Amino acid sequence: MSANQKSFTVRVGEEVYQNASDKAKDLNISLTELVRASVVQFCTQSESRDEPNSQLVQQLENKDQQIDQLHQLLGMQAKTNALLSEEISNSRKLIDDLTRPKPSKSVWGKISAIFASS
């Protein structure tokens, strides 16, 4: 063992020991190499766990911003729809006024309109 390597003892149940031993034989490596590789992999995964979490937090923040923008757009759309509904209502009233038959004038009304225009 080199000077910069440390050792430790791990106690496990018989079933775990047998499973690890069988796995080491399947991989054609020693039990020590299997345990070493497992510890290294676990420690490496533990260090990189925070990185995906920060990425998820950033994605959630981006989604929150997108949702806020969507709410603003929906508010603007609701205002636009209200204005368009009012415009349609006013246009219908105007069309009704223009297409409604006008009461015919009496003879005296027609004569007075002729003199009024001259």
PDB file of N, CA and C in Angstrom:
ATOM      1  N   MET A   1       0.853  -1.172   0.000  1.00  0.00           N
ATOM      2  CA  MET A   1       0.000   0.000   0.000  1.00  0.00           C
ATOM      3  C   MET A   1       0.893   1.227   0.000  1.00  0.00           C
ATOM      4  N   SER A   2       0.554   2.207  -0.871  1.00  0.00           N
ATOM      5  CA  SER A   2       1.378   3.416  -0.955  1.00  0.00           C
ATOM      6  C   SER A   2       1.075   4.350   0.203  1.00  0.00           C
ATOM      7  N   ALA A   3       1.905   5.340   0.379  1.00  0.00           N
ATOM      8  CA  ALA A   3       1.810   6.251   1.525  1.00  0.00           C
ATOM      9  C   ALA A   3       0.541   7.103   1.485  1.00  0.00           C
ATOM     10  N   ASN A   4       0.019   7.414   0.296  1.00  0.00           N
ATOM     11  CA  ASN A   4      -1.151   8.304   0.232  1.00  0.00           C
ATOM     12  C   ASN A   4      -2.470   7.523   0.183  1.00  0.00           C
ATOM     13  N   GLN A   5      -2.446   6.222   0.363  1.00  0.00           N
ATOM     14  CA  GLN A   5      -3.673   5.434   0.412  1.00  0.00           C
ATOM     15  C   GLN A   5      -3.964   5.036   1.844  1.00  0.00           C
ATOM     16  N   LYS A   6      -5.226   4.996   2.197  1.00  0.00           N
ATOM     17  CA  LYS A   6      -5.671   4.613   3.537  1.00  0.00           C
ATOM     18  C   LYS A   6      -6.510   3.345   3.418  1.00  0.00           C
ATOM     19  N   SER A   7      -6.634   2.627   4.492  1.00  0.00           N
ATOM     20  CA  SER A   7      -7.462   1.421   4.505  1.00  0.00           C
ATOM     21  C   SER A   7      -8.467   1.518   5.643  1.00  0.00           C
ATOM     22  N   PHE A   8      -9.534   0.768   5.508  1.00  0.00           N
ATOM     23  CA  PHE A   8     -10.523   0.686   6.581  1.00  0.00           C
ATOM     24  C   PHE A   8     -11.217  -0.666   6.492  1.00  0.00           C
ATOM     25  N   THR A   9     -11.841  -1.043   7.563  1.00  0.00           N
ATOM     26  CA  THR A   9     -12.523  -2.329   7.640  1.00  0.00           C
ATOM     27  C   THR A   9     -14.020  -2.081   7.591  1.00  0.00           C
ATOM     28  N   VAL A  10     -14.678  -2.910   6.810  1.00  0.00           N
ATOM     29  CA  VAL A  10     -16.133  -2.795   6.688  1.00  0.00           C
ATOM     30  C   VAL A  10     -16.736  -4.130   7.085  1.00  0.00           C
ATOM     31  N   ARG A  11     -17.710  -4.092   7.947  1.00  0.00           N
ATOM     32  CA  ARG A  11     -18.400  -5.324   8.342  1.00  0.00           C
ATOM     33  C   ARG A  11     -19.782  -5.304   7.701  1.00  0.00           C
ATOM     34  N   VAL A  12     -20.124  -6.407   7.055  1.00  0.00           N
ATOM     35  CA  VAL A  12     -21.435  -6.553   6.414  1.00  0.00           C
ATOM     36  C   VAL A  12     -21.988  -7.922   6.775  1.00  0.00           C
ATOM     37  N   GLY A  13     -23.270  -8.091   6.550  1.00  0.00           N
ATOM     38  CA  GLY A  13     -23.897  -9.385   6.803  1.00  0.00           C
ATOM     39  C   GLY A  13     -23.405 -10.432   5.808  1.00  0.00           C
ATOM     40  N   GLU A  14     -23.656 -11.687   6.174  1.00  0.00           N
ATOM     41  CA  GLU A  14     -23.164 -12.794   5.352  1.00  0.00           C
ATOM     42  C   GLU A  14     -23.768 -12.752   3.944  1.00  0.00           C
ATOM     43  N   GLU A  15     -25.032 -12.403   3.834  1.00  0.00           N
ATOM     44  CA  GLU A  15     -25.694 -12.364   2.525  1.00  0.00           C
ATOM     45  C   GLU A  15     -25.081 -11.285   1.628  1.00  0.00           C
ATOM     46  N   VAL A  16     -24.824 -10.107   2.184  1.00  0.00           N
ATOM     47  CA  VAL A  16     -24.205  -9.025   1.413  1.00  0.00           C
ATOM     48  C   VAL A  16     -22.795  -9.436   0.998  1.00  0.00           C
ATOM     49  N   TYR A  17     -22.070 -10.054   1.926  1.00  0.00           N
ATOM     50  CA  TYR A  17     -20.707 -10.502   1.604  1.00  0.00           C
ATOM     51  C   TYR A  17     -20.741 -11.504   0.453  1.00  0.00           C
ATOM     52  N   GLN A  18     -21.660 -12.459   0.510  1.00  0.00           N
ATOM     53  CA  GLN A  18     -21.738 -13.486  -0.529  1.00  0.00           C
ATOM     54  C   GLN A  18     -22.113 -12.865  -1.879  1.00  0.00           C
ATOM     55  N   ASN A  19     -23.077 -11.925  -1.869  1.00  0.00           N
ATOM     56  CA  ASN A  19     -23.472 -11.236  -3.112  1.00  0.00           C
ATOM     57  C   ASN A  19     -22.296 -10.470  -3.700  1.00  0.00           C
ATOM     58  N   ALA A  20     -21.555  -9.760  -2.856  1.00  0.00           N
ATOM     59  CA  ALA A  20     -20.393  -8.994  -3.329  1.00  0.00           C
ATOM     60  C   ALA A  20     -19.321  -9.930  -3.864  1.00  0.00           C
ATOM     61  N   SER A  21     -19.091 -11.034  -3.172  1.00  0.00           N
ATOM     62  CA  SER A  21     -18.088 -11.995  -3.616  1.00  0.00           C
ATOM     63  C   SER A  21     -18.471 -12.603  -4.964  1.00  0.00           C
ATOM     64  N   ASP A  22     -19.744 -12.954  -5.115  1.00  0.00           N
ATOM     65  CA  ASP A  22     -20.227 -13.504  -6.394  1.00  0.00           C
ATOM     66  C   ASP A  22     -20.093 -12.477  -7.513  1.00  0.00           C
ATOM     67  N   LYS A  23     -20.415 -11.245  -7.213  1.00  0.00           N
ATOM     68  CA  LYS A  23     -20.315 -10.182  -8.230  1.00  0.00           C
ATOM     69  C   LYS A  23     -18.857  -9.988  -8.651  1.00  0.00           C
ATOM     70  N   ALA A  24     -17.949 -10.008  -7.692  1.00  0.00           N
ATOM     71  CA  ALA A  24     -16.515  -9.855  -7.998  1.00  0.00           C
ATOM     72  C   ALA A  24     -16.050 -10.998  -8.894  1.00  0.00           C
ATOM     73  N   LYS A  25     -16.497 -12.229  -8.605  1.00  0.00           N
ATOM     74  CA  LYS A  25     -16.123 -13.376  -9.441  1.00  0.00           C
ATOM     75  C   LYS A  25     -16.684 -13.209 -10.862  1.00  0.00           C
ATOM     76  N   ASP A  26     -17.953 -12.714 -10.962  1.00  0.00           N
ATOM     77  CA  ASP A  26     -18.576 -12.491 -12.281  1.00  0.00           C
ATOM     78  C   ASP A  26     -17.769 -11.481 -13.091  1.00  0.00           C
ATOM     79  N   LEU A  27     -17.258 -10.469 -12.404  1.00  0.00           N
ATOM     80  CA  LEU A  27     -16.493  -9.410 -13.078  1.00  0.00           C
ATOM     81  C   LEU A  27     -15.011  -9.765 -13.230  1.00  0.00           C
ATOM     82  N   ASN A  28     -14.614 -10.902 -12.651  1.00  0.00           N
ATOM     83  CA  ASN A  28     -13.236 -11.367 -12.726  1.00  0.00           C
ATOM     84  C   ASN A  28     -12.258 -10.377 -12.069  1.00  0.00           C
ATOM     85  N   ILE A  29     -12.702  -9.853 -10.909  1.00  0.00           N
ATOM     86  CA  ILE A  29     -11.856  -8.950 -10.122  1.00  0.00           C
ATOM     87  C   ILE A  29     -11.894  -9.422  -8.672  1.00  0.00           C
ATOM     88  N   SER A  30     -10.973  -8.884  -7.858  1.00  0.00           N
ATOM     89  CA  SER A  30     -10.960  -9.271  -6.444  1.00  0.00           C
ATOM     90  C   SER A  30     -12.083  -8.540  -5.701  1.00  0.00           C
ATOM     91  N   LEU A  31     -12.428  -9.083  -4.550  1.00  0.00           N
ATOM     92  CA  LEU A  31     -13.445  -8.443  -3.711  1.00  0.00           C
ATOM     93  C   LEU A  31     -12.986  -7.049  -3.289  1.00  0.00           C
ATOM     94  N   THR A  32     -11.704  -6.904  -3.008  1.00  0.00           N
ATOM     95  CA  THR A  32     -11.149  -5.594  -2.644  1.00  0.00           C
ATOM     96  C   THR A  32     -11.333  -4.588  -3.778  1.00  0.00           C
ATOM     97  N   GLU A  33     -11.070  -5.005  -5.008  1.00  0.00           N
ATOM     98  CA  GLU A  33     -11.247  -4.106  -6.154  1.00  0.00           C
ATOM     99  C   GLU A  33     -12.714  -3.715  -6.321  1.00  0.00           C
ATOM    100  N   LEU A  34     -13.628  -4.668  -6.103  1.00  0.00           N
ATOM    101  CA  LEU A  34     -15.061  -4.368  -6.206  1.00  0.00           C
ATOM    102  C   LEU A  34     -15.475  -3.327  -5.168  1.00  0.00           C
ATOM    103  N   VAL A  35     -15.036  -3.530  -3.920  1.00  0.00           N
ATOM    104  CA  VAL A  35     -15.388  -2.585  -2.849  1.00  0.00           C
ATOM    105  C   VAL A  35     -14.778  -1.223  -3.127  1.00  0.00           C
ATOM    106  N   ARG A  36     -13.502  -1.191  -3.551  1.00  0.00           N
ATOM    107  CA  ARG A  36     -12.830   0.074  -3.860  1.00  0.00           C
ATOM    108  C   ARG A  36     -13.592   0.821  -4.969  1.00  0.00           C
ATOM    109  N   ALA A  37     -13.927   0.118  -6.047  1.00  0.00           N
ATOM    110  CA  ALA A  37     -14.640   0.746  -7.166  1.00  0.00           C
ATOM    111  C   ALA A  37     -16.016   1.251  -6.716  1.00  0.00           C
ATOM    112  N   SER A  38     -16.677   0.465  -5.863  1.00  0.00           N
ATOM    113  CA  SER A  38     -18.001   0.870  -5.360  1.00  0.00           C
ATOM    114  C   SER A  38     -17.925   2.139  -4.517  1.00  0.00           C
ATOM    115  N   VAL A  39     -16.927   2.202  -3.632  1.00  0.00           N
ATOM    116  CA  VAL A  39     -16.757   3.383  -2.776  1.00  0.00           C
ATOM    117  C   VAL A  39     -16.424   4.605  -3.621  1.00  0.00           C
ATOM    118  N   VAL A  40     -15.509   4.441  -4.577  1.00  0.00           N
ATOM    119  CA  VAL A  40     -15.139   5.562  -5.448  1.00  0.00           C
ATOM    120  C   VAL A  40     -16.350   6.047  -6.237  1.00  0.00           C
ATOM    121  N   GLN A  41     -17.126   5.112  -6.788  1.00  0.00           N
ATOM    122  CA  GLN A  41     -18.303   5.497  -7.566  1.00  0.00           C
ATOM    123  C   GLN A  41     -19.319   6.217  -6.689  1.00  0.00           C
ATOM    124  N   PHE A  42     -19.555   5.711  -5.500  1.00  0.00           N
ATOM    125  CA  PHE A  42     -20.501   6.342  -4.588  1.00  0.00           C
ATOM    126  C   PHE A  42     -20.061   7.762  -4.234  1.00  0.00           C
ATOM    127  N   CYS A  43     -18.786   7.923  -3.917  1.00  0.00           N
ATOM    128  CA  CYS A  43     -18.277   9.251  -3.552  1.00  0.00           C
ATOM    129  C   CYS A  43     -18.355  10.210  -4.738  1.00  0.00           C
ATOM    130  N   THR A  44     -18.086   9.723  -5.925  1.00  0.00           N
ATOM    131  CA  THR A  44     -18.161  10.562  -7.122  1.00  0.00           C
ATOM    132  C   THR A  44     -19.603  10.989  -7.383  1.00  0.00           C
ATOM    133  N   GLN A  45     -20.533  10.050  -7.238  1.00  0.00           N
ATOM    134  CA  GLN A  45     -21.944  10.380  -7.441  1.00  0.00           C
ATOM    135  C   GLN A  45     -22.418  11.376  -6.393  1.00  0.00           C
ATOM    136  N   SER A  46     -21.966  11.218  -5.167  1.00  0.00           N
ATOM    137  CA  SER A  46     -22.380  12.128  -4.102  1.00  0.00           C
ATOM    138  C   SER A  46     -21.945  13.550  -4.395  1.00  0.00           C
ATOM    139  N   GLU A  47     -20.746  13.722  -4.959  1.00  0.00           N
ATOM    140  CA  GLU A  47     -20.252  15.059  -5.273  1.00  0.00           C
ATOM    141  C   GLU A  47     -21.042  15.696  -6.400  1.00  0.00           C
ATOM    142  N   SER A  48     -21.484  14.903  -7.361  1.00  0.00           N
ATOM    143  CA  SER A  48     -22.172  15.471  -8.525  1.00  0.00           C
ATOM    144  C   SER A  48     -23.677  15.569  -8.324  1.00  0.00           C
ATOM    145  N   ARG A  49     -24.177  15.150  -7.175  1.00  0.00           N
ATOM    146  CA  ARG A  49     -25.624  15.212  -6.929  1.00  0.00           C
ATOM    147  C   ARG A  49     -26.145  16.636  -6.901  1.00  0.00           C
ATOM    148  N   ASP A  50     -25.360  17.563  -6.382  1.00  0.00           N
ATOM    149  CA  ASP A  50     -25.814  18.940  -6.277  1.00  0.00           C
ATOM    150  C   ASP A  50     -25.943  19.597  -7.639  1.00  0.00           C
ATOM    151  N   GLU A  51     -25.129  19.193  -8.600  1.00  0.00           N
ATOM    152  CA  GLU A  51     -25.163  19.820  -9.921  1.00  0.00           C
ATOM    153  C   GLU A  51     -26.512  19.629 -10.611  1.00  0.00           C
ATOM    154  N   PRO A  52     -27.056  18.405 -10.687  1.00  0.00           N
ATOM    155  CA  PRO A  52     -28.380  18.267 -11.303  1.00  0.00           C
ATOM    156  C   PRO A  52     -29.449  19.042 -10.543  1.00  0.00           C
ATOM    157  N   ASN A  53     -29.323  19.096  -9.215  1.00  0.00           N
ATOM    158  CA  ASN A  53     -30.307  19.848  -8.439  1.00  0.00           C
ATOM    159  C   ASN A  53     -30.272  21.329  -8.796  1.00  0.00           C
ATOM    160  N   SER A  54     -29.080  21.890  -8.961  1.00  0.00           N
ATOM    161  CA  SER A  54     -29.002  23.304  -9.323  1.00  0.00           C
ATOM    162  C   SER A  54     -29.548  23.518 -10.726  1.00  0.00           C
ATOM    163  N   GLN A  55     -29.340  22.541 -11.605  1.00  0.00           N
ATOM    164  CA  GLN A  55     -29.920  22.652 -12.948  1.00  0.00           C
ATOM    165  C   GLN A  55     -31.434  22.612 -12.881  1.00  0.00           C
ATOM    166  N   LEU A  56     -31.978  21.742 -12.025  1.00  0.00           N
ATOM    167  CA  LEU A  56     -33.430  21.666 -11.871  1.00  0.00           C
ATOM    168  C   LEU A  56     -33.989  22.956 -11.282  1.00  0.00           C
ATOM    169  N   VAL A  57     -33.277  23.522 -10.316  1.00  0.00           N
ATOM    170  CA  VAL A  57     -33.717  24.783  -9.716  1.00  0.00           C
ATOM    171  C   VAL A  57     -33.740  25.882 -10.778  1.00  0.00           C
ATOM    172  N   GLN A  58     -32.714  25.936 -11.620  1.00  0.00           N
ATOM    173  CA  GLN A  58     -32.655  26.933 -12.694  1.00  0.00           C
ATOM    174  C   GLN A  58     -33.800  26.720 -13.686  1.00  0.00           C
ATOM    175  N   GLN A  59     -34.070  25.463 -14.024  1.00  0.00           N
ATOM    176  CA  GLN A  59     -35.171  25.177 -14.940  1.00  0.00           C
ATOM    177  C   GLN A  59     -36.505  25.592 -14.335  1.00  0.00           C
ATOM    178  N   LEU A  60     -36.680  25.345 -13.037  1.00  0.00           N
ATOM    179  CA  LEU A  60     -37.915  25.750 -12.372  1.00  0.00           C
ATOM    180  C   LEU A  60     -38.064  27.268 -12.364  1.00  0.00           C
ATOM    181  N   GLU A  61     -36.974  27.980 -12.126  1.00  0.00           N
ATOM    182  CA  GLU A  61     -37.023  29.443 -12.152  1.00  0.00           C
ATOM    183  C   GLU A  61     -37.397  29.936 -13.542  1.00  0.00           C
ATOM    184  N   ASN A  62     -36.831  29.314 -14.579  1.00  0.00           N
ATOM    185  CA  ASN A  62     -37.171  29.693 -15.951  1.00  0.00           C
ATOM    186  C   ASN A  62     -38.647  29.425 -16.236  1.00  0.00           C
ATOM    187  N   LYS A  63     -39.142  28.294 -15.763  1.00  0.00           N
ATOM    188  CA  LYS A  63     -40.560  27.961 -15.970  1.00  0.00           C
ATOM    189  C   LYS A  63     -41.452  28.952 -15.227  1.00  0.00           C
ATOM    190  N   ASP A  64     -41.054  29.351 -14.019  1.00  0.00           N
ATOM    191  CA  ASP A  64     -41.821  30.345 -13.273  1.00  0.00           C
ATOM    192  C   ASP A  64     -41.903  31.658 -14.054  1.00  0.00           C
ATOM    193  N   GLN A  65     -40.792  32.072 -14.651  1.00  0.00           N
ATOM    194  CA  GLN A  65     -40.794  33.289 -15.460  1.00  0.00           C
ATOM    195  C   GLN A  65     -41.712  33.136 -16.672  1.00  0.00           C
ATOM    196  N   GLN A  66     -41.670  31.973 -17.291  1.00  0.00           N
ATOM    197  CA  GLN A  66     -42.522  31.731 -18.446  1.00  0.00           C
ATOM    198  C   GLN A  66     -43.994  31.759 -18.046  1.00  0.00           C
ATOM    199  N   ILE A  67     -44.306  31.202 -16.873  1.00  0.00           N
ATOM    200  CA  ILE A  67     -45.682  31.211 -16.388  1.00  0.00           C
ATOM    201  C   ILE A  67     -46.137  32.643 -16.111  1.00  0.00           C
ATOM    202  N   ASP A  68     -45.266  33.453 -15.505  1.00  0.00           N
ATOM    203  CA  ASP A  68     -45.600  34.858 -15.263  1.00  0.00           C
ATOM    204  C   ASP A  68     -45.873  35.589 -16.576  1.00  0.00           C
ATOM    205  N   GLN A  69     -45.039  35.340 -17.573  1.00  0.00           N
ATOM    206  CA  GLN A  69     -45.247  35.969 -18.879  1.00  0.00           C
ATOM    207  C   GLN A  69     -46.559  35.503 -19.501  1.00  0.00           C
ATOM    208  N   LEU A  70     -46.877  34.234 -19.342  1.00  0.00           N
ATOM    209  CA  LEU A  70     -48.122  33.701 -19.868  1.00  0.00           C
ATOM    210  C   LEU A  70     -49.318  34.365 -19.200  1.00  0.00           C
ATOM    211  N   HIS A  71     -49.240  34.562 -17.876  1.00  0.00           N
ATOM    212  CA  HIS A  71     -50.324  35.243 -17.162  1.00  0.00           C
ATOM    213  C   HIS A  71     -50.500  36.675 -17.670  1.00  0.00           C
ATOM    214  N   GLN A  72     -49.402  37.355 -17.925  1.00  0.00           N
ATOM    215  CA  GLN A  72     -49.482  38.716 -18.465  1.00  0.00           C
ATOM    216  C   GLN A  72     -50.135  38.704 -19.841  1.00  0.00           C
ATOM    217  N   LEU A  73     -49.745  37.769 -20.677  1.00  0.00           N
ATOM    218  CA  LEU A  73     -50.326  37.673 -22.018  1.00  0.00           C
ATOM    219  C   LEU A  73     -51.811  37.341 -21.954  1.00  0.00           C
ATOM    220  N   LEU A  74     -52.183  36.459 -21.032  1.00  0.00           N
ATOM    221  CA  LEU A  74     -53.596  36.122 -20.888  1.00  0.00           C
ATOM    222  C   LEU A  74     -54.406  37.329 -20.418  1.00  0.00           C
ATOM    223  N   GLY A  75     -53.819  38.139 -19.529  1.00  0.00           N
ATOM    224  CA  GLY A  75     -54.489  39.369 -19.094  1.00  0.00           C
ATOM    225  C   GLY A  75     -54.680  40.339 -20.247  1.00  0.00           C
ATOM    226  N   MET A  76     -53.653  40.477 -21.067  1.00  0.00           N
ATOM    227  CA  MET A  76     -53.756  41.356 -22.237  1.00  0.00           C
ATOM    228  C   MET A  76     -54.793  40.823 -23.214  1.00  0.00           C
ATOM    229  N   GLN A  77     -54.843  39.521 -23.386  1.00  0.00           N
ATOM    230  CA  GLN A  77     -55.816  38.921 -24.295  1.00  0.00           C
ATOM    231  C   GLN A  77     -57.234  39.160 -23.786  1.00  0.00           C
ATOM    232  N   ALA A  78     -57.440  39.053 -22.486  1.00  0.00           N
ATOM    233  CA  ALA A  78     -58.765  39.284 -21.915  1.00  0.00           C
ATOM    234  C   ALA A  78     -59.205  40.727 -22.159  1.00  0.00           C
ATOM    235  N   LYS A  79     -58.282  41.686 -21.988  1.00  0.00           N
ATOM    236  CA  LYS A  79     -58.611  43.083 -22.255  1.00  0.00           C
ATOM    237  C   LYS A  79     -58.943  43.295 -23.726  1.00  0.00           C
ATOM    238  N   THR A  80     -58.154  42.676 -24.597  1.00  0.00           N
ATOM    239  CA  THR A  80     -58.389  42.798 -26.036  1.00  0.00           C
ATOM    240  C   THR A  80     -59.737  42.200 -26.402  1.00  0.00           C
ATOM    241  N   ASN A  81     -60.061  41.050 -25.826  1.00  0.00           N
ATOM    242  CA  ASN A  81     -61.358  40.418 -26.100  1.00  0.00           C
ATOM    243  C   ASN A  81     -62.512  41.305 -25.646  1.00  0.00           C
ATOM    244  N   ALA A  82     -62.365  41.953 -24.493  1.00  0.00           N
ATOM    245  CA  ALA A  82     -63.411  42.845 -24.000  1.00  0.00           C
ATOM    246  C   ALA A  82     -63.591  44.028 -24.948  1.00  0.00           C
ATOM    247  N   LEU A  83     -62.477  44.602 -25.411  1.00  0.00           N
ATOM    248  CA  LEU A  83     -62.572  45.730 -26.351  1.00  0.00           C
ATOM    249  C   LEU A  83     -63.209  45.292 -27.667  1.00  0.00           C
ATOM    250  N   LEU A  84     -62.839  44.127 -28.157  1.00  0.00           N
ATOM    251  CA  LEU A  84     -63.422  43.627 -29.406  1.00  0.00           C
ATOM    252  C   LEU A  84     -64.911  43.345 -29.245  1.00  0.00           C
ATOM    253  N   SER A  85     -65.314  42.805 -28.105  1.00  0.00           N
ATOM    254  CA  SER A  85     -66.740  42.549 -27.863  1.00  0.00           C
ATOM    255  C   SER A  85     -67.529  43.849 -27.856  1.00  0.00           C
ATOM    256  N   GLU A  86     -66.955  44.866 -27.225  1.00  0.00           N
ATOM    257  CA  GLU A  86     -67.620  46.174 -27.195  1.00  0.00           C
ATOM    258  C   GLU A  86     -67.716  46.755 -28.606  1.00  0.00           C
ATOM    259  N   GLU A  87     -66.642  46.608 -29.380  1.00  0.00           N
ATOM    260  CA  GLU A  87     -66.635  47.105 -30.761  1.00  0.00           C
ATOM    261  C   GLU A  87     -67.672  46.375 -31.612  1.00  0.00           C
ATOM    262  N   ILE A  88     -67.786  45.082 -31.437  1.00  0.00           N
ATOM    263  CA  ILE A  88     -68.778  44.300 -32.184  1.00  0.00           C
ATOM    264  C   ILE A  88     -70.185  44.733 -31.801  1.00  0.00           C
ATOM    265  N   SER A  89     -70.402  44.947 -30.512  1.00  0.00           N
ATOM    266  CA  SER A  89     -71.719  45.391 -30.038  1.00  0.00           C
ATOM    267  C   SER A  89     -72.077  46.751 -30.638  1.00  0.00           C
ATOM    268  N   ASN A  90     -71.109  47.669 -30.638  1.00  0.00           N
ATOM    269  CA  ASN A  90     -71.357  48.996 -31.232  1.00  0.00           C
ATOM    270  C   ASN A  90     -71.622  48.891 -32.720  1.00  0.00           C
ATOM    271  N   SER A  91     -70.904  48.017 -33.405  1.00  0.00           N
ATOM    272  CA  SER A  91     -71.111  47.841 -34.846  1.00  0.00           C
ATOM    273  C   SER A  91     -72.482  47.262 -35.128  1.00  0.00           C
ATOM    274  N   ARG A  92     -72.931  46.322 -34.325  1.00  0.00           N
ATOM    275  CA  ARG A  92     -74.273  45.749 -34.508  1.00  0.00           C
ATOM    276  C   ARG A  92     -75.350  46.803 -34.315  1.00  0.00           C
ATOM    277  N   LYS A  93     -75.178  47.647 -33.291  1.00  0.00           N
ATOM    278  CA  LYS A  93     -76.148  48.729 -33.067  1.00  0.00           C
ATOM    279  C   LYS A  93     -76.198  49.665 -34.262  1.00  0.00           C
ATOM    280  N   LEU A  94     -75.033  50.005 -34.804  1.00  0.00           N
ATOM    281  CA  LEU A  94     -74.965  50.884 -35.969  1.00  0.00           C
ATOM    282  C   LEU A  94     -75.640  50.235 -37.173  1.00  0.00           C
ATOM    283  N   ILE A  95     -75.386  48.954 -37.377  1.00  0.00           N
ATOM    284  CA  ILE A  95     -76.020  48.237 -38.501  1.00  0.00           C
ATOM    285  C   ILE A  95     -77.525  48.200 -38.311  1.00  0.00           C
ATOM    286  N   ASP A  96     -77.963  47.932 -37.076  1.00  0.00           N
ATOM    287  CA  ASP A  96     -79.409  47.922 -36.798  1.00  0.00           C
ATOM    288  C   ASP A  96     -80.022  49.285 -37.094  1.00  0.00           C
ATOM    289  N   ASP A  97     -79.340  50.352 -36.684  1.00  0.00           N
ATOM    290  CA  ASP A  97     -79.854  51.701 -36.934  1.00  0.00           C
ATOM    291  C   ASP A  97     -79.935  51.995 -38.430  1.00  0.00           C
ATOM    292  N   LEU A  98     -78.937  51.538 -39.177  1.00  0.00           N
ATOM    293  CA  LEU A  98     -78.908  51.820 -40.613  1.00  0.00           C
ATOM    294  C   LEU A  98     -79.915  50.975 -41.386  1.00  0.00           C
ATOM    295  N   THR A  99     -80.193  49.778 -40.930  1.00  0.00           N
ATOM    296  CA  THR A  99     -81.098  48.889 -41.676  1.00  0.00           C
ATOM    297  C   THR A  99     -82.544  48.969 -41.209  1.00  0.00           C
ATOM    298  N   ARG A 100     -82.800  49.604 -40.101  1.00  0.00           N
ATOM    299  CA  ARG A 100     -84.164  49.734 -39.599  1.00  0.00           C
ATOM    300  C   ARG A 100     -84.940  50.660 -40.541  1.00  0.00           C
ATOM    301  N   PRO A 101     -86.137  50.225 -40.958  1.00  0.00           N
ATOM    302  CA  PRO A 101     -86.914  51.093 -41.853  1.00  0.00           C
ATOM    303  C   PRO A 101     -87.310  52.383 -41.134  1.00  0.00           C
ATOM    304  N   LYS A 102     -87.156  53.460 -41.858  1.00  0.00           N
ATOM    305  CA  LYS A 102     -87.497  54.767 -41.293  1.00  0.00           C
ATOM    306  C   LYS A 102     -88.983  55.032 -41.525  1.00  0.00           C
ATOM    307  N   PRO A 103     -89.609  55.644 -40.555  1.00  0.00           N
ATOM    308  CA  PRO A 103     -91.047  55.930 -40.733  1.00  0.00           C
ATOM    309  C   PRO A 103     -91.223  56.927 -41.889  1.00  0.00           C
ATOM    310  N   SER A 104     -92.214  56.618 -42.696  1.00  0.00           N
ATOM    311  CA  SER A 104     -92.452  57.527 -43.835  1.00  0.00           C
ATOM    312  C   SER A 104     -93.071  58.826 -43.340  1.00  0.00           C
ATOM    313  N   LYS A 105     -92.708  59.884 -44.021  1.00  0.00           N
ATOM    314  CA  LYS A 105     -93.195  61.206 -43.620  1.00  0.00           C
ATOM    315  C   LYS A 105     -94.593  61.429 -44.219  1.00  0.00           C
ATOM    316  N   SER A 106     -95.310  62.197 -43.481  1.00  0.00           N
ATOM    317  CA  SER A 106     -96.636  62.567 -43.999  1.00  0.00           C
ATOM    318  C   SER A 106     -96.456  63.511 -45.179  1.00  0.00           C
ATOM    319  N   VAL A 107     -97.518  63.757 -45.865  1.00  0.00           N
ATOM    320  CA  VAL A 107     -97.467  64.667 -47.025  1.00  0.00           C
ATOM    321  C   VAL A 107     -96.973  66.038 -46.581  1.00  0.00           C
ATOM    322  N   TRP A 108     -97.471  66.531 -45.480  1.00  0.00           N
ATOM    323  CA  TRP A 108     -97.064  67.850 -45.003  1.00  0.00           C
ATOM    324  C   TRP A 108     -95.585  67.843 -44.602  1.00  0.00           C
ATOM    325  N   GLY A 109     -95.079  66.666 -44.056  1.00  0.00           N
ATOM    326  CA  GLY A 109     -93.666  66.551 -43.705  1.00  0.00           C
ATOM    327  C   GLY A 109     -92.790  66.600 -44.942  1.00  0.00           C
ATOM    328  N   LYS A 110     -93.230  65.963 -46.017  1.00  0.00           N
ATOM    329  CA  LYS A 110     -92.479  65.975 -47.269  1.00  0.00           C
ATOM    330  C   LYS A 110     -92.429  67.371 -47.860  1.00  0.00           C
ATOM    331  N   ILE A 111     -93.590  68.076 -47.825  1.00  0.00           N
ATOM    332  CA  ILE A 111     -93.635  69.437 -48.386  1.00  0.00           C
ATOM    333  C   ILE A 111     -92.730  70.361 -47.579  1.00  0.00           C
ATOM    334  N   SER A 112     -92.744  70.237 -46.227  1.00  0.00           N
ATOM    335  CA  SER A 112     -91.919  71.126 -45.417  1.00  0.00           C
ATOM    336  C   SER A 112     -90.433  70.809 -45.632  1.00  0.00           C
ATOM    337  N   ALA A 113     -90.082  69.527 -45.903  1.00  0.00           N
ATOM    338  CA  ALA A 113     -88.698  69.159 -46.160  1.00  0.00           C
ATOM    339  C   ALA A 113     -88.214  69.772 -47.463  1.00  0.00           C
ATOM    340  N   ILE A 114     -89.108  69.878 -48.454  1.00  0.00           N
ATOM    341  CA  ILE A 114     -88.741  70.481 -49.738  1.00  0.00           C
ATOM    342  C   ILE A 114     -88.428  71.956 -49.544  1.00  0.00           C
ATOM    343  N   PHE A 115     -89.289  72.657 -48.801  1.00  0.00           N
ATOM    344  CA  PHE A 115     -89.070  74.089 -48.590  1.00  0.00           C
ATOM    345  C   PHE A 115     -87.885  74.351 -47.692  1.00  0.00           C
ATOM    346  N   ALA A 116     -87.604  73.422 -46.770  1.00  0.00           N
ATOM    347  CA  ALA A 116     -86.496  73.595 -45.851  1.00  0.00           C
ATOM    348  C   ALA A 116     -85.157  73.432 -46.567  1.00  0.00           C
ATOM    349  N   SER A 117     -85.119  72.599 -47.620  1.00  0.00           N
ATOM    350  CA  SER A 117     -83.860  72.381 -48.325  1.00  0.00           C
ATOM    351  C   SER A 117     -83.556  73.485 -49.319  1.00  0.00           C
ATOM    352  N   SER A 118     -84.532  74.304 -49.671  1.00  0.00           N
ATOM    353  CA  SER A 118     -84.265  75.353 -50.638  1.00  0.00           C
ATOM    354  C   SER A 118     -83.750  76.601 -50.030  1.00  0.00           C
TER     355      SER A 118
END
